[in-house]
Amino acid sequence: MRDDSANLRLGVVAFCMAQSGRFQLSVRILAVLASEPGAMHTSSAIAEELKESAVMVRRAFCCCIRRG
């Protein structure tokens, strides 16, 4: 059985990996938007282009909006 400090470290590592993945996805989304600045893009169209889930694209948008 793991002690509390090992469980905490494992949780921190998992959290950082999730944050890093969201950041990478956000950068990829911004690259798609920058490639056609005058066009309107839906989350499903961006997701299809990036081969990602539309839900994950929307979550990344929400994180960007919350953080400014």
PDB file of N, CA and C in Angstrom:
ATOM      1  N   MET A   1       0.841  -1.176   0.000  1.00  0.00           N
ATOM      2  CA  MET A   1       0.000   0.000   0.000  1.00  0.00           C
ATOM      3  C   MET A   1       0.887   1.241   0.000  1.00  0.00           C
ATOM      4  N   ARG A   2       0.552   2.209  -0.808  1.00  0.00           N
ATOM      5  CA  ARG A   2       1.344   3.431  -0.903  1.00  0.00           C
ATOM      6  C   ARG A   2       1.073   4.335   0.294  1.00  0.00           C
ATOM      7  N   ASP A   3       2.119   5.098   0.657  1.00  0.00           N
ATOM      8  CA  ASP A   3       1.891   6.090   1.700  1.00  0.00           C
ATOM      9  C   ASP A   3       1.280   7.347   1.083  1.00  0.00           C
ATOM     10  N   ASP A   4       0.858   8.269   1.920  1.00  0.00           N
ATOM     11  CA  ASP A   4       0.177   9.475   1.445  1.00  0.00           C
ATOM     12  C   ASP A   4       1.063  10.324   0.550  1.00  0.00           C
ATOM     13  N   SER A   5       2.348  10.431   0.853  1.00  0.00           N
ATOM     14  CA  SER A   5       3.234  11.268   0.039  1.00  0.00           C
ATOM     15  C   SER A   5       3.414  10.683  -1.362  1.00  0.00           C
ATOM     16  N   ALA A   6       3.458   9.374  -1.471  1.00  0.00           N
ATOM     17  CA  ALA A   6       3.575   8.735  -2.792  1.00  0.00           C
ATOM     18  C   ALA A   6       2.293   8.962  -3.588  1.00  0.00           C
ATOM     19  N   ASN A   7       1.146   8.857  -2.947  1.00  0.00           N
ATOM     20  CA  ASN A   7      -0.135   9.118  -3.615  1.00  0.00           C
ATOM     21  C   ASN A   7      -0.223  10.568  -4.072  1.00  0.00           C
ATOM     22  N   LEU A   8       0.261  11.488  -3.246  1.00  0.00           N
ATOM     23  CA  LEU A   8       0.249  12.901  -3.600  1.00  0.00           C
ATOM     24  C   LEU A   8       1.146  13.158  -4.810  1.00  0.00           C
ATOM     25  N   ARG A   9       2.351  12.587  -4.821  1.00  0.00           N
ATOM     26  CA  ARG A   9       3.265  12.762  -5.957  1.00  0.00           C
ATOM     27  C   ARG A   9       2.651  12.207  -7.230  1.00  0.00           C
ATOM     28  N   LEU A  10       2.019  11.055  -7.137  1.00  0.00           N
ATOM     29  CA  LEU A  10       1.372  10.451  -8.296  1.00  0.00           C
ATOM     30  C   LEU A  10       0.256  11.352  -8.806  1.00  0.00           C
ATOM     31  N   GLY A  11      -0.508  11.947  -7.906  1.00  0.00           N
ATOM     32  CA  GLY A  11      -1.577  12.864  -8.296  1.00  0.00           C
ATOM     33  C   GLY A  11      -1.038  14.114  -8.958  1.00  0.00           C
ATOM     34  N   VAL A  12       0.059  14.652  -8.452  1.00  0.00           N
ATOM     35  CA  VAL A  12       0.674  15.852  -9.030  1.00  0.00           C
ATOM     36  C   VAL A  12       1.188  15.555 -10.428  1.00  0.00           C
ATOM     37  N   VAL A  13       1.828  14.406 -10.608  1.00  0.00           N
ATOM     38  CA  VAL A  13       2.335  14.018 -11.925  1.00  0.00           C
ATOM     39  C   VAL A  13       1.190  13.881 -12.913  1.00  0.00           C
ATOM     40  N   ALA A  14       0.119  13.235 -12.518  1.00  0.00           N
ATOM     41  CA  ALA A  14      -1.041  13.065 -13.406  1.00  0.00           C
ATOM     42  C   ALA A  14      -1.644  14.418 -13.754  1.00  0.00           C
ATOM     43  N   PHE A  15      -1.733  15.322 -12.783  1.00  0.00           N
ATOM     44  CA  PHE A  15      -2.290  16.655 -13.019  1.00  0.00           C
ATOM     45  C   PHE A  15      -1.414  17.424 -14.000  1.00  0.00           C
ATOM     46  N   CYS A  16      -0.105  17.392 -13.826  1.00  0.00           N
ATOM     47  CA  CYS A  16       0.810  18.110 -14.719  1.00  0.00           C
ATOM     48  C   CYS A  16       0.744  17.557 -16.135  1.00  0.00           C
ATOM     49  N   MET A  17       0.626  16.243 -16.258  1.00  0.00           N
ATOM     50  CA  MET A  17       0.523  15.644 -17.586  1.00  0.00           C
ATOM     51  C   MET A  17      -0.762  16.108 -18.266  1.00  0.00           C
ATOM     52  N   ALA A  18      -1.849  16.181 -17.520  1.00  0.00           N
ATOM     53  CA  ALA A  18      -3.123  16.626 -18.085  1.00  0.00           C
ATOM     54  C   ALA A  18      -3.027  18.080 -18.507  1.00  0.00           C
ATOM     55  N   GLN A  19      -2.409  18.909 -17.678  1.00  0.00           N
ATOM     56  CA  GLN A  19      -2.254  20.322 -18.004  1.00  0.00           C
ATOM     57  C   GLN A  19      -1.391  20.493 -19.242  1.00  0.00           C
ATOM     58  N   SER A  20      -0.322  19.730 -19.343  1.00  0.00           N
ATOM     59  CA  SER A  20       0.569  19.816 -20.494  1.00  0.00           C
ATOM     60  C   SER A  20      -0.158  19.414 -21.773  1.00  0.00           C
ATOM     61  N   GLY A  21      -0.983  18.381 -21.697  1.00  0.00           N
ATOM     62  CA  GLY A  21      -1.756  17.939 -22.855  1.00  0.00           C
ATOM     63  C   GLY A  21      -2.750  18.993 -23.306  1.00  0.00           C
ATOM     64  N   ARG A  22      -3.383  19.659 -22.346  1.00  0.00           N
ATOM     65  CA  ARG A  22      -4.328  20.723 -22.689  1.00  0.00           C
ATOM     66  C   ARG A  22      -3.609  21.909 -23.322  1.00  0.00           C
ATOM     67  N   PHE A  23      -2.432  22.222 -22.806  1.00  0.00           N
ATOM     68  CA  PHE A  23      -1.663  23.327 -23.374  1.00  0.00           C
ATOM     69  C   PHE A  23      -1.279  23.003 -24.816  1.00  0.00           C
ATOM     70  N   GLN A  24      -0.807  21.788 -25.039  1.00  0.00           N
ATOM     71  CA  GLN A  24      -0.418  21.376 -26.396  1.00  0.00           C
ATOM     72  C   GLN A  24      -1.623  21.443 -27.337  1.00  0.00           C
ATOM     73  N   LEU A  25      -2.770  20.965 -26.892  1.00  0.00           N
ATOM     74  CA  LEU A  25      -3.972  21.020 -27.714  1.00  0.00           C
ATOM     75  C   LEU A  25      -4.366  22.467 -27.984  1.00  0.00           C
ATOM     76  N   SER A  26      -4.262  23.327 -26.980  1.00  0.00           N
ATOM     77  CA  SER A  26      -4.603  24.743 -27.164  1.00  0.00           C
ATOM     78  C   SER A  26      -3.719  25.390 -28.220  1.00  0.00           C
ATOM     79  N   VAL A  27      -2.443  25.084 -28.206  1.00  0.00           N
ATOM     80  CA  VAL A  27      -1.520  25.641 -29.203  1.00  0.00           C
ATOM     81  C   VAL A  27      -1.890  25.144 -30.597  1.00  0.00           C
ATOM     82  N   ARG A  28      -2.230  23.873 -30.700  1.00  0.00           N
ATOM     83  CA  ARG A  28      -2.625  23.315 -32.002  1.00  0.00           C
ATOM     84  C   ARG A  28      -3.911  23.966 -32.503  1.00  0.00           C
ATOM     85  N   ILE A  29      -4.862  24.216 -31.602  1.00  0.00           N
ATOM     86  CA  ILE A  29      -6.113  24.883 -31.974  1.00  0.00           C
ATOM     87  C   ILE A  29      -5.820  26.289 -32.480  1.00  0.00           C
ATOM     88  N   LEU A  30      -4.982  27.017 -31.756  1.00  0.00           N
ATOM     89  CA  LEU A  30      -4.637  28.376 -32.167  1.00  0.00           C
ATOM     90  C   LEU A  30      -3.947  28.390 -33.527  1.00  0.00           C
ATOM     91  N   ALA A  31      -3.155  27.360 -33.810  1.00  0.00           N
ATOM     92  CA  ALA A  31      -2.498  27.274 -35.119  1.00  0.00           C
ATOM     93  C   ALA A  31      -3.533  27.102 -36.231  1.00  0.00           C
ATOM     94  N   VAL A  32      -4.551  26.300 -35.980  1.00  0.00           N
ATOM     95  CA  VAL A  32      -5.618  26.119 -36.971  1.00  0.00           C
ATOM     96  C   VAL A  32      -6.347  27.451 -37.187  1.00  0.00           C
ATOM     97  N   LEU A  33      -6.663  28.139 -36.106  1.00  0.00           N
ATOM     98  CA  LEU A  33      -7.362  29.417 -36.220  1.00  0.00           C
ATOM     99  C   LEU A  33      -6.508  30.459 -36.942  1.00  0.00           C
ATOM    100  N   ALA A  34      -5.215  30.455 -36.674  1.00  0.00           N
ATOM    101  CA  ALA A  34      -4.314  31.424 -37.308  1.00  0.00           C
ATOM    102  C   ALA A  34      -4.105  31.143 -38.792  1.00  0.00           C
ATOM    103  N   SER A  35      -4.300  29.896 -39.193  1.00  0.00           N
ATOM    104  CA  SER A  35      -4.093  29.553 -40.603  1.00  0.00           C
ATOM    105  C   SER A  35      -5.151  30.172 -41.509  1.00  0.00           C
ATOM    106  N   GLU A  36      -6.335  30.447 -40.955  1.00  0.00           N
ATOM    107  CA  GLU A  36      -7.422  31.095 -41.701  1.00  0.00           C
ATOM    108  C   GLU A  36      -8.077  32.125 -40.792  1.00  0.00           C
ATOM    109  N   PRO A  37      -7.449  33.286 -40.617  1.00  0.00           N
ATOM    110  CA  PRO A  37      -7.944  34.256 -39.633  1.00  0.00           C
ATOM    111  C   PRO A  37      -9.335  34.813 -39.912  1.00  0.00           C
ATOM    112  N   GLY A  38      -9.754  34.876 -41.156  1.00  0.00           N
ATOM    113  CA  GLY A  38     -11.064  35.441 -41.466  1.00  0.00           C
ATOM    114  C   GLY A  38     -12.193  34.440 -41.442  1.00  0.00           C
ATOM    115  N   ALA A  39     -11.875  33.171 -41.295  1.00  0.00           N
ATOM    116  CA  ALA A  39     -12.889  32.117 -41.372  1.00  0.00           C
ATOM    117  C   ALA A  39     -13.489  31.815 -39.999  1.00  0.00           C
ATOM    118  N   MET A  40     -14.709  31.323 -40.017  1.00  0.00           N
ATOM    119  CA  MET A  40     -15.361  30.847 -38.793  1.00  0.00           C
ATOM    120  C   MET A  40     -15.098  29.340 -38.694  1.00  0.00           C
ATOM    121  N   HIS A  41     -14.729  28.897 -37.524  1.00  0.00           N
ATOM    122  CA  HIS A  41     -14.431  27.480 -37.307  1.00  0.00           C
ATOM    123  C   HIS A  41     -15.327  26.938 -36.201  1.00  0.00           C
ATOM    124  N   THR A  42     -15.916  25.793 -36.423  1.00  0.00           N
ATOM    125  CA  THR A  42     -16.654  25.121 -35.353  1.00  0.00           C
ATOM    126  C   THR A  42     -15.699  24.198 -34.612  1.00  0.00           C
ATOM    127  N   SER A  43     -16.063  23.861 -33.383  1.00  0.00           N
ATOM    128  CA  SER A  43     -15.211  22.951 -32.618  1.00  0.00           C
ATOM    129  C   SER A  43     -15.128  21.593 -33.303  1.00  0.00           C
ATOM    130  N   SER A  44     -16.192  21.172 -33.935  1.00  0.00           N
ATOM    131  CA  SER A  44     -16.150  19.868 -34.605  1.00  0.00           C
ATOM    132  C   SER A  44     -15.242  19.895 -35.833  1.00  0.00           C
ATOM    133  N   ALA A  45     -15.221  21.026 -36.552  1.00  0.00           N
ATOM    134  CA  ALA A  45     -14.328  21.132 -37.716  1.00  0.00           C
ATOM    135  C   ALA A  45     -12.866  21.150 -37.272  1.00  0.00           C
ATOM    136  N   ILE A  46     -12.586  21.881 -36.198  1.00  0.00           N
ATOM    137  CA  ILE A  46     -11.217  21.917 -35.674  1.00  0.00           C
ATOM    138  C   ILE A  46     -10.821  20.541 -35.170  1.00  0.00           C
ATOM    139  N   ALA A  47     -11.722  19.888 -34.459  1.00  0.00           N
ATOM    140  CA  ALA A  47     -11.445  18.554 -33.931  1.00  0.00           C
ATOM    141  C   ALA A  47     -11.153  17.564 -35.049  1.00  0.00           C
ATOM    142  N   GLU A  48     -11.925  17.654 -36.113  1.00  0.00           N
ATOM    143  CA  GLU A  48     -11.706  16.754 -37.239  1.00  0.00           C
ATOM    144  C   GLU A  48     -10.336  16.997 -37.869  1.00  0.00           C
ATOM    145  N   GLU A  49      -9.974  18.257 -38.016  1.00  0.00           N
ATOM    146  CA  GLU A  49      -8.675  18.583 -38.611  1.00  0.00           C
ATOM    147  C   GLU A  49      -7.514  18.116 -37.730  1.00  0.00           C
ATOM    148  N   LEU A  50      -7.694  18.208 -36.417  1.00  0.00           N
ATOM    149  CA  LEU A  50      -6.635  17.812 -35.489  1.00  0.00           C
ATOM    150  C   LEU A  50      -6.727  16.353 -35.058  1.00  0.00           C
ATOM    151  N   LYS A  51      -7.771  15.672 -35.521  1.00  0.00           N
ATOM    152  CA  LYS A  51      -8.024  14.275 -35.123  1.00  0.00           C
ATOM    153  C   LYS A  51      -8.136  14.160 -33.595  1.00  0.00           C
ATOM    154  N   GLU A  52      -8.931  15.071 -33.046  1.00  0.00           N
ATOM    155  CA  GLU A  52      -9.201  15.117 -31.613  1.00  0.00           C
ATOM    156  C   GLU A  52     -10.707  15.050 -31.393  1.00  0.00           C
ATOM    157  N   SER A  53     -11.095  14.962 -30.157  1.00  0.00           N
ATOM    158  CA  SER A  53     -12.503  14.987 -29.790  1.00  0.00           C
ATOM    159  C   SER A  53     -12.998  16.434 -29.763  1.00  0.00           C
ATOM    160  N   ALA A  54     -14.192  16.661 -30.275  1.00  0.00           N
ATOM    161  CA  ALA A  54     -14.782  18.003 -30.244  1.00  0.00           C
ATOM    162  C   ALA A  54     -14.978  18.476 -28.800  1.00  0.00           C
ATOM    163  N   VAL A  55     -15.252  17.552 -27.907  1.00  0.00           N
ATOM    164  CA  VAL A  55     -15.404  17.897 -26.492  1.00  0.00           C
ATOM    165  C   VAL A  55     -14.091  18.434 -25.932  1.00  0.00           C
ATOM    166  N   MET A  56     -12.976  17.788 -26.286  1.00  0.00           N
ATOM    167  CA  MET A  56     -11.678  18.255 -25.806  1.00  0.00           C
ATOM    168  C   MET A  56     -11.336  19.620 -26.387  1.00  0.00           C
ATOM    169  N   VAL A  57     -11.721  19.863 -27.631  1.00  0.00           N
ATOM    170  CA  VAL A  57     -11.489  21.177 -28.245  1.00  0.00           C
ATOM    171  C   VAL A  57     -12.279  22.239 -27.490  1.00  0.00           C
ATOM    172  N   ARG A  58     -13.526  21.953 -27.175  1.00  0.00           N
ATOM    173  CA  ARG A  58     -14.343  22.921 -26.430  1.00  0.00           C
ATOM    174  C   ARG A  58     -13.780  23.156 -25.028  1.00  0.00           C
ATOM    175  N   ARG A  59     -13.307  22.099 -24.370  1.00  0.00           N
ATOM    176  CA  ARG A  59     -12.706  22.263 -23.041  1.00  0.00           C
ATOM    177  C   ARG A  59     -11.459  23.136 -23.108  1.00  0.00           C
ATOM    178  N   ALA A  60     -10.651  22.940 -24.143  1.00  0.00           N
ATOM    179  CA  ALA A  60      -9.455  23.765 -24.299  1.00  0.00           C
ATOM    180  C   ALA A  60      -9.835  25.221 -24.528  1.00  0.00           C
ATOM    181  N   PHE A  61     -10.878  25.457 -25.332  1.00  0.00           N
ATOM    182  CA  PHE A  61     -11.366  26.822 -25.531  1.00  0.00           C
ATOM    183  C   PHE A  61     -11.776  27.440 -24.199  1.00  0.00           C
ATOM    184  N   CYS A  62     -12.513  26.692 -23.407  1.00  0.00           N
ATOM    185  CA  CYS A  62     -12.980  27.201 -22.114  1.00  0.00           C
ATOM    186  C   CYS A  62     -11.807  27.567 -21.212  1.00  0.00           C
ATOM    187  N   CYS A  63     -10.771  26.733 -21.195  1.00  0.00           N
ATOM    188  CA  CYS A  63      -9.594  27.030 -20.377  1.00  0.00           C
ATOM    189  C   CYS A  63      -8.920  28.307 -20.848  1.00  0.00           C
ATOM    190  N   CYS A  64      -8.830  28.488 -22.151  1.00  0.00           N
ATOM    191  CA  CYS A  64      -8.198  29.697 -22.696  1.00  0.00           C
ATOM    192  C   CYS A  64      -9.016  30.934 -22.342  1.00  0.00           C
ATOM    193  N   ILE A  65     -10.326  30.822 -22.431  1.00  0.00           N
ATOM    194  CA  ILE A  65     -11.192  31.962 -22.136  1.00  0.00           C
ATOM    195  C   ILE A  65     -11.097  32.339 -20.660  1.00  0.00           C
ATOM    196  N   ARG A  66     -11.119  31.334 -19.786  1.00  0.00           N
ATOM    197  CA  ARG A  66     -11.032  31.597 -18.339  1.00  0.00           C
ATOM    198  C   ARG A  66      -9.730  32.254 -17.951  1.00  0.00           C
ATOM    199  N   ARG A  67      -8.653  31.858 -18.627  1.00  0.00           N
ATOM    200  CA  ARG A  67      -7.330  32.375 -18.273  1.00  0.00           C
ATOM    201  C   ARG A  67      -6.950  33.639 -19.018  1.00  0.00           C
ATOM    202  N   GLY A  68      -7.801  34.037 -19.943  1.00  0.00           N
ATOM    203  CA  GLY A  68      -7.559  35.276 -20.680  1.00  0.00           C
ATOM    204  C   GLY A  68      -6.647  35.057 -21.790  1.00  0.00           C
TER     205      GLY A  68
END
